[in-house]
C-alpha atoms as a PDB file:
ATOM      1  CA  MET A   1     -15.179 129.154 179.213  1.00  0.00           C
ATOM      2  CA  MET A   2     -18.176 130.352 177.227  1.00  0.00           C
ATOM      3  CA  CYS A   3     -19.118 128.699 173.951  1.00  0.00           C
ATOM      4  CA  GLU A   4     -20.378 130.920 171.195  1.00  0.00           C
ATOM      5  CA  VAL A   5     -23.568 129.766 169.518  1.00  0.00           C
ATOM      6  CA  MET A   6     -23.918 130.109 165.787  1.00  0.00           C
ATOM      7  CA  PRO A   7     -27.088 131.862 164.632  1.00  0.00           C
ATOM      8  CA  THR A   8     -29.768 129.639 163.184  1.00  0.00           C
ATOM      9  CA  ILE A   9     -30.145 129.565 159.446  1.00  0.00           C
ATOM     10  CA  SER A  10     -33.736 129.971 158.413  1.00  0.00           C
ATOM     11  CA  GLU A  11     -34.744 128.457 155.107  1.00  0.00           C
ATOM     12  CA  GLY A  12     -37.711 130.687 154.387  1.00  0.00           C
ATOM     13  CA  ASP A  13     -36.167 134.101 155.045  1.00  0.00           C
ATOM     14  CA  SER A  14     -37.801 136.637 152.725  1.00  0.00           C
ATOM     15  CA  ALA A  15     -35.081 139.190 153.500  1.00  0.00           C
ATOM     16  CA  GLY A  16     -32.406 136.768 152.276  1.00  0.00           C
ATOM     17  CA  PRO A  17     -30.031 137.162 149.365  1.00  0.00           C
ATOM     18  CA  PRO A  18     -31.269 138.433 146.004  1.00  0.00           C
ATOM     19  CA  ARG A  19     -33.010 135.786 143.965  1.00  0.00           C
ATOM     20  CA  GLY A  20     -33.324 135.207 140.281  1.00  0.00           C
ATOM     21  CA  ALA A  21     -36.506 135.468 138.255  1.00  0.00           C
ATOM     22  CA  ALA A  22     -37.859 132.175 139.586  1.00  0.00           C
ATOM     23  CA  GLY A  23     -37.220 133.199 143.212  1.00  0.00           C
ATOM     24  CA  VAL A  24     -34.159 130.947 143.440  1.00  0.00           C
ATOM     25  CA  PRO A  25     -30.748 132.366 144.376  1.00  0.00           C
ATOM     26  CA  ASN A  26     -28.427 132.475 141.418  1.00  0.00           C
ATOM     27  CA  GLY A  27     -25.406 130.157 141.253  1.00  0.00           C
ATOM     28  CA  ALA A  28     -22.832 132.747 142.336  1.00  0.00           C
ATOM     29  CA  ASP A  29     -24.878 133.657 145.415  1.00  0.00           C
ATOM     30  CA  GLN A  30     -25.337 130.003 146.344  1.00  0.00           C
ATOM     31  CA  GLU A  31     -21.624 129.359 145.998  1.00  0.00           C
ATOM     32  CA  ALA A  32     -20.737 132.444 148.042  1.00  0.00           C
ATOM     33  CA  ASN A  33     -23.217 131.433 150.753  1.00  0.00           C
ATOM     34  CA  PHE A  34     -21.850 127.894 150.783  1.00  0.00           C
ATOM     35  CA  GLU A  35     -18.258 129.140 151.027  1.00  0.00           C
ATOM     36  CA  GLN A  36     -19.184 131.485 153.886  1.00  0.00           C
ATOM     37  CA  LEU A  37     -20.961 128.640 155.655  1.00  0.00           C
ATOM     38  CA  MET A  38     -17.890 126.426 155.272  1.00  0.00           C
ATOM     39  CA  VAL A  39     -15.593 129.187 156.575  1.00  0.00           C
ATOM     40  CA  ASN A  40     -17.879 129.688 159.578  1.00  0.00           C
ATOM     41  CA  MET A  41     -17.946 125.963 160.267  1.00  0.00           C
ATOM     42  CA  LEU A  42     -14.153 125.710 160.044  1.00  0.00           C
ATOM     43  CA  ASP A  43     -13.748 128.698 162.370  1.00  0.00           C
ATOM     44  CA  GLU A  44     -16.136 127.127 164.857  1.00  0.00           C
ATOM     45  CA  ARG A  45     -14.261 123.821 164.609  1.00  0.00           C
ATOM     46  CA  ASP A  46     -10.974 125.612 165.325  1.00  0.00           C
ATOM     47  CA  LYS A  47     -12.493 127.325 168.376  1.00  0.00           C
ATOM     48  CA  LEU A  48     -13.830 124.016 169.664  1.00  0.00           C
ATOM     49  CA  LEU A  49     -10.479 122.285 169.129  1.00  0.00           C
ATOM     50  CA  GLU A  50      -8.681 125.063 170.995  1.00  0.00           C
ATOM     51  CA  SER A  51     -11.186 124.810 173.822  1.00  0.00           C
ATOM     52  CA  LEU A  52     -10.664 121.040 173.900  1.00  0.00           C
ATOM     53  CA  ARG A  53      -6.878 121.483 174.086  1.00  0.00           C
ATOM     54  CA  GLU A  54      -7.201 123.968 176.948  1.00  0.00           C
ATOM     55  CA  THR A  55      -9.572 121.664 178.797  1.00  0.00           C
ATOM     56  CA  GLN A  56      -7.236 118.704 178.325  1.00  0.00           C
ATOM     57  CA  GLU A  57      -4.299 120.746 179.664  1.00  0.00           C
ATOM     58  CA  THR A  58      -6.367 121.796 182.674  1.00  0.00           C
ATOM     59  CA  LEU A  59      -7.345 118.159 183.272  1.00  0.00           C
ATOM     60  CA  ILE A  60      -3.707 117.048 183.144  1.00  0.00           C
ATOM     61  CA  GLN A  61      -2.720 119.777 185.609  1.00  0.00           C
ATOM     62  CA  SER A  62      -5.564 118.804 187.939  1.00  0.00           C
ATOM     63  CA  GLN A  63      -4.619 115.124 187.765  1.00  0.00           C
ATOM     64  CA  THR A  64      -1.006 116.008 188.565  1.00  0.00           C
ATOM     65  CA  LYS A  65      -2.090 118.060 191.584  1.00  0.00           C
ATOM     66  CA  LEU A  66      -4.351 115.219 192.714  1.00  0.00           C
ATOM     67  CA  GLN A  67      -1.502 112.710 192.490  1.00  0.00           C
ATOM     68  CA  GLY A  68       0.699 115.039 194.549  1.00  0.00           C
ATOM     69  CA  ALA A  69      -2.022 115.447 197.165  1.00  0.00           C
ATOM     70  CA  LEU A  70      -2.560 111.675 197.325  1.00  0.00           C
ATOM     71  CA  HIS A  71       1.167 111.061 197.853  1.00  0.00           C
ATOM     72  CA  GLU A  72       1.255 113.710 200.577  1.00  0.00           C
ATOM     73  CA  ARG A  73      -1.821 112.165 202.231  1.00  0.00           C
ATOM     74  CA  ASP A  74      -0.210 108.731 202.179  1.00  0.00           C
ATOM     75  CA  ALA A  75       3.026 110.073 203.671  1.00  0.00           C
ATOM     76  CA  LEU A  76       1.121 111.849 206.436  1.00  0.00           C
ATOM     77  CA  GLN A  77      -0.946 108.719 207.105  1.00  0.00           C
ATOM     78  CA  ARG A  78       2.248 106.681 207.454  1.00  0.00           C
ATOM     79  CA  GLN A  79       3.599 109.247 209.916  1.00  0.00           C
ATOM     80  CA  ILE A  80       0.376 109.122 211.936  1.00  0.00           C
ATOM     81  CA  ASN A  81       0.358 105.332 211.930  1.00  0.00           C
ATOM     82  CA  ALA A  82       3.976 105.251 213.033  1.00  0.00           C
ATOM     83  CA  ALA A  83       3.313 107.717 215.869  1.00  0.00           C
ATOM     84  CA  LEU A  84      -0.008 106.327 217.122  1.00  0.00           C
ATOM     85  CA  PRO A  85       1.144 102.854 218.201  1.00  0.00           C
ATOM     86  CA  GLN A  86       3.818 104.476 220.374  1.00  0.00           C
ATOM     87  CA  VAL A  87       1.262 106.757 222.002  1.00  0.00           C
ATOM     88  CA  SER A  88      -1.172 103.874 222.434  1.00  0.00           C
ATOM     89  CA  LYS A  89       1.510 101.650 224.021  1.00  0.00           C
ATOM     90  CA  LYS A  90       2.422 104.391 226.488  1.00  0.00           C
ATOM     91  CA  HIS A  91      -1.210 104.929 227.439  1.00  0.00           C
ATOM     92  CA  LEU A  92      -1.803 101.182 227.790  1.00  0.00           C
ATOM     93  CA  GLU A  93       1.286 100.723 229.950  1.00  0.00           C
ATOM     94  CA  LYS A  94       0.295 103.705 232.075  1.00  0.00           C
ATOM     95  CA  GLY A  95      -3.255 102.356 232.439  1.00  0.00           C
ATOM     96  CA  VAL A  96      -2.030  98.864 233.358  1.00  0.00           C
ATOM     97  CA  ASN A  97       0.424 100.277 235.946  1.00  0.00           C
ATOM     98  CA  GLU A  98      -2.327 102.363 237.533  1.00  0.00           C
ATOM     99  CA  ARG A  99      -4.581  99.320 237.872  1.00  0.00           C
ATOM    100  CA  VAL A 100      -1.917  97.222 239.582  1.00  0.00           C
END
């Protein structure tokens, strides 16, 4: 999942919004810029929260699959352990009989 990067906001941009007589943005422009900044931040927050939710769901699915694999491994290990002593006993008995 790619994360979009917000563009940097430069403070000394000469091609910025129109400024008043003293070179300072007027109140309406400042408010509009602030509102747009807030909207952008809220949008970015929503995207990050959605990404977090998706990642958490993926983690839960992966943990569930891992638990299933661990249970299967344990069951197979029990089967192997149950079968091996029988094979070992047969080989030991066969080896002892051959030596006698």
